[in-house]
Protein backbone atom coordinates (compact mmCIF):
# COMPACT_ATOMS: atom_id res chain seq x y z
CA MET A 1 -189.17 59.68 -97.58
CA ALA A 2 -187.59 58.88 -94.03
CA ARG A 3 -189.66 59.59 -91.50
CA ILE A 4 -188.12 62.65 -89.02
CA GLN A 5 -187.49 61.88 -85.25
CA ALA A 6 -188.72 64.52 -83.22
CA ALA A 7 -186.41 66.71 -81.34
CA ASP A 8 -187.44 65.25 -77.76
CA TYR A 9 -187.60 61.80 -79.13
CA ASP A 10 -184.55 60.68 -76.73
CA ALA A 11 -185.86 62.75 -73.90
CA LYS A 12 -189.46 60.90 -74.00
CA ARG A 13 -187.98 57.57 -74.51
CA ALA A 14 -185.83 58.24 -71.26
CA ALA A 15 -188.94 59.55 -69.49
CA ILE A 16 -191.01 56.05 -70.41
CA THR A 17 -188.24 54.13 -69.42
CA ALA A 18 -187.31 56.11 -65.99
CA HIS A 19 -191.06 55.78 -65.29
CA ALA A 20 -190.85 51.81 -66.26
CA ALA A 21 -187.94 51.20 -63.93
CA HIS A 22 -189.83 52.71 -61.10
CA LEU A 23 -193.12 50.43 -61.48
CA PHE A 24 -190.95 47.38 -62.19
CA ALA A 25 -188.96 47.80 -59.44
CA ALA A 26 -191.67 48.42 -56.98
CA ARG A 27 -194.01 45.91 -58.70
CA GLY A 28 -192.29 43.44 -60.82
CA PHE A 29 -192.24 42.95 -64.44
CA GLY A 30 -195.22 40.88 -64.33
CA GLY A 31 -196.94 42.97 -61.80
CA ALA A 32 -196.92 46.24 -64.20
CA SER A 33 -198.65 46.63 -67.26
CA ILE A 34 -198.78 49.15 -70.13
CA ALA A 35 -201.79 50.83 -69.01
CA ASP A 36 -200.07 51.11 -65.46
CA LEU A 37 -196.90 52.90 -67.09
CA ALA A 38 -199.15 54.84 -68.74
CA ALA A 39 -201.09 56.09 -65.87
CA ALA A 40 -197.67 56.48 -63.80
CA GLY A 41 -196.20 58.55 -66.23
CA GLY A 42 -199.24 60.65 -67.56
CA PHE A 43 -198.59 59.09 -71.10
CA SER A 44 -200.88 57.80 -73.31
CA LYS A 45 -200.71 54.00 -74.51
CA SER A 46 -200.45 54.72 -77.94
CA LEU A 47 -197.31 57.05 -77.09
CA ILE A 48 -195.69 54.15 -75.33
CA TYR A 49 -196.66 52.00 -78.52
CA HIS A 50 -194.86 54.64 -80.62
CA TYR A 51 -191.63 54.16 -78.85
CA TYR A 52 -191.99 50.54 -77.81
CA ALA A 53 -193.45 47.51 -79.96
CA ALA A 54 -193.26 45.69 -76.34
CA LYS A 55 -193.27 45.82 -72.93
CA GLU A 56 -190.26 43.37 -72.94
CA ASP A 57 -188.54 46.08 -75.12
CA ILE A 58 -188.98 48.98 -72.49
CA LEU A 59 -187.55 46.56 -69.79
CA TYR A 60 -184.44 46.16 -71.95
CA ASP A 61 -183.85 49.46 -72.49
CA ALA A 62 -183.90 50.41 -68.73
CA MET A 63 -181.72 47.64 -68.40
CA ARG A 64 -179.12 48.57 -71.28
CA SER A 65 -179.05 52.20 -69.99
CA HIS A 66 -177.91 51.28 -66.43
CA ILE A 67 -175.28 48.67 -67.83
CA ASP A 68 -174.01 51.00 -70.29
CA ALA A 69 -173.40 53.31 -67.48
CA LEU A 70 -171.77 51.08 -65.59
CA LEU A 71 -169.60 49.89 -68.49
CA ALA A 72 -168.84 53.29 -68.63
CA VAL A 73 -167.38 53.52 -64.90
CA LYS A 74 -165.61 50.39 -65.60
CA ASP A 75 -164.10 51.68 -68.94
CA ALA A 76 -162.99 55.00 -67.01
CA VAL A 77 -161.17 52.92 -64.18
CA ALA A 78 -159.74 50.55 -66.90
CA ALA A 79 -157.96 53.66 -68.68
CA SER A 80 -156.66 54.86 -65.06
CA ALA A 81 -152.45 54.29 -64.79
CA ASP A 82 -153.28 53.82 -61.25
CA PRO A 83 -152.22 51.02 -59.30
CA PRO A 84 -154.59 47.70 -59.68
CA GLU A 85 -155.54 48.20 -55.68
CA THR A 86 -156.36 52.05 -56.28
CA ARG A 87 -158.33 51.13 -59.29
CA LEU A 88 -160.32 48.57 -57.31
CA ARG A 89 -161.15 51.34 -54.85
CA LYS A 90 -162.35 53.79 -57.66
CA LEU A 91 -164.34 51.11 -59.26
CA ALA A 92 -166.01 50.16 -56.04
CA ARG A 93 -166.74 53.98 -55.10
CA ALA A 94 -168.01 54.83 -58.79
CA LEU A 95 -170.44 52.12 -58.78
CA LEU A 96 -171.48 52.87 -55.45
CA ASP A 97 -171.79 56.43 -56.44
CA HIS A 98 -173.98 55.36 -59.73
CA TYR A 99 -176.12 52.79 -57.53
CA VAL A 100 -177.07 55.86 -55.38
CA GLY A 101 -179.13 57.40 -57.91
CA ALA A 102 -180.26 54.46 -59.73
CA SER A 103 -181.90 52.16 -57.53
CA ASP A 104 -184.73 51.42 -59.57
CA SER A 105 -182.69 50.44 -62.57
CA GLN A 106 -180.34 48.47 -60.29
CA LYS A 107 -183.35 46.14 -58.75
CA VAL A 108 -184.72 45.77 -62.22
CA LEU A 109 -181.22 44.74 -63.52
CA LEU A 110 -180.92 41.96 -60.54
CA TYR A 111 -184.45 40.61 -60.70
CA GLU A 112 -186.08 40.94 -63.59
CA LEU A 113 -183.46 39.62 -66.30
CA ASN A 114 -185.49 36.32 -66.93
CA HIS A 115 -188.38 38.47 -68.78
CA LEU A 116 -185.95 39.60 -71.65
CA THR A 117 -185.92 37.87 -74.66
CA ALA A 118 -182.68 35.60 -75.17
CA ALA A 119 -181.05 38.19 -77.51
CA GLN A 120 -181.73 40.89 -75.07
CA ARG A 121 -180.52 38.85 -72.14
CA ASP A 122 -177.42 37.81 -73.81
CA ASP A 123 -176.59 41.35 -74.56
CA ILE A 124 -177.33 42.57 -70.94
CA VAL A 125 -175.09 39.38 -69.83
CA THR A 126 -172.29 40.11 -71.82
CA LYS A 127 -171.87 43.40 -70.49
CA GLN A 128 -172.42 42.24 -66.94
CA ARG A 129 -169.71 39.64 -67.59
CA ALA A 130 -167.04 42.31 -68.98
CA ILE A 131 -167.36 44.15 -65.90
CA VAL A 132 -166.81 41.29 -63.79
CA ASP A 133 -164.06 39.90 -65.61
CA PHE A 134 -162.11 43.33 -65.52
CA THR A 135 -162.53 43.09 -61.97
CA GLN A 136 -161.03 39.49 -61.96
CA SER A 137 -158.04 40.80 -63.77
CA LEU A 138 -157.51 43.28 -61.06
CA PHE A 139 -157.90 40.81 -58.38
CA THR A 140 -155.16 38.77 -60.08
CA VAL A 141 -152.90 41.55 -60.40
CA ILE A 142 -153.12 42.04 -56.93
CA ASP A 143 -152.85 38.49 -55.88
CA ARG A 144 -150.05 37.12 -58.38
CA HIS A 145 -149.90 33.94 -56.47
CA ALA A 146 -153.40 33.17 -57.54
CA SER A 147 -153.69 29.80 -58.85
CA ASP A 148 -157.23 28.99 -58.35
CA ARG A 149 -159.15 30.85 -60.87
CA ASP A 150 -162.64 29.28 -59.53
CA ALA A 151 -161.73 30.45 -56.08
CA LEU A 152 -160.83 33.75 -57.50
CA ARG A 153 -164.08 34.10 -59.35
CA VAL A 154 -166.19 33.30 -56.08
CA LYS A 155 -164.31 36.16 -54.44
CA VAL A 156 -165.25 38.45 -57.44
CA MET A 157 -168.94 37.73 -57.05
CA LEU A 158 -168.54 38.10 -53.27
CA PHE A 159 -167.38 41.74 -53.80
CA TYR A 160 -169.86 42.10 -56.15
CA GLY A 161 -172.36 40.39 -53.62
CA MET A 162 -171.43 43.11 -51.11
CA LEU A 163 -171.86 46.30 -53.88
CA ASN A 164 -174.91 45.51 -55.60
CA TRP A 165 -177.50 45.04 -52.82
CA THR A 166 -176.50 48.10 -51.14
CA HIS A 167 -179.81 49.65 -52.51
CA ASN A 168 -181.75 47.58 -50.28
CA TRP A 169 -180.54 49.63 -47.24
CA PHE A 170 -177.94 52.30 -47.68
CA ARG A 171 -179.26 55.90 -46.68
CA PRO A 172 -177.59 59.22 -47.88
CA ASP A 173 -178.03 60.81 -44.96
CA GLY A 174 -176.84 57.75 -42.77
CA PRO A 175 -174.20 57.86 -40.31
CA ILE A 176 -171.58 55.86 -43.06
CA GLY A 177 -170.98 57.81 -46.30
CA ARG A 178 -170.93 55.45 -49.42
CA ASP A 179 -166.97 56.11 -50.22
CA ARG A 180 -166.52 54.58 -47.02
CA ILE A 181 -168.83 51.42 -47.56
CA ALA A 182 -166.97 51.02 -50.70
CA ASP A 183 -163.78 51.03 -49.01
CA GLN A 184 -164.69 48.57 -46.46
CA ALA A 185 -166.15 46.25 -49.26
CA VAL A 186 -162.55 46.26 -51.11
CA ASP A 187 -160.52 46.18 -47.60
CA ALA A 188 -162.62 42.90 -46.77
CA ILE A 189 -161.50 41.28 -50.56
CA LEU A 190 -157.84 43.04 -50.14
CA GLY A 191 -157.55 41.59 -46.81
CA ASP A 192 -158.79 38.02 -47.88
CA LEU A 193 -156.15 38.26 -50.96
CA GLY A 194 -153.21 38.72 -48.56
CA HIS A 195 -153.17 42.63 -48.95
CA PRO A 196 -154.90 44.59 -46.30
CA GLY A 197 -156.27 47.74 -47.21
CA THR A 198 -155.06 51.11 -46.19
C-alpha cells in the first residue's frame, strides 16, 4: 500500500528550506551542517532526513522554489500585451519586489550553485537562462537595429548585475523605493539602447 502523505508535508518541507536558505546565506553551504540546520529550525535530524536524502537536496529545493517564483514573474510579464519597454519596466519592478522578501534565497542562488549535483545545476541554469533569454528578446525588440548579439547579451547581464545585487544594500525603509531603483536600472539600459526612459 502506498504511503499516505501527511497533510502538513509541504509546509514542513517549506520550513526546512526556509531555515536552510537563511543558514546557507549566512554561513555558506559548506559552513552549515544538517545538525546546524536542525538546531536553527528546532527540527530533529531524523525529521530532516525524512524529507531529504542529502544536504544538496535541501539546497536544490531552496534554489528551485526561488527560481520557479522568478520564472512565474517572467511568465506573467511575457503574457502581457504591453509594449516591450513597459514590459521591461514591469519585469524589473516585479523582480525587485520578489527579491526584497527573499534575500536569503537570492544569495544562495547567486553563490552556492556549484554545490548542486550536475542534474540539479542544469535544471537551475536552464531556468535562469529562460529568464535571461526573455529579457534579451525584449532588448532586441526595443533596439531593432542591434546586430551584435554578443554585445546585446552583455547589456542583459549588466542589467541583471544592477538588479541581482540589490539584496546587499537595499533597505525598504530607505529614501529610495524599490520601484524607483528598478526604473533607474531600466532607464540606464534604455538610454544605452538609444531609447531614453520616461
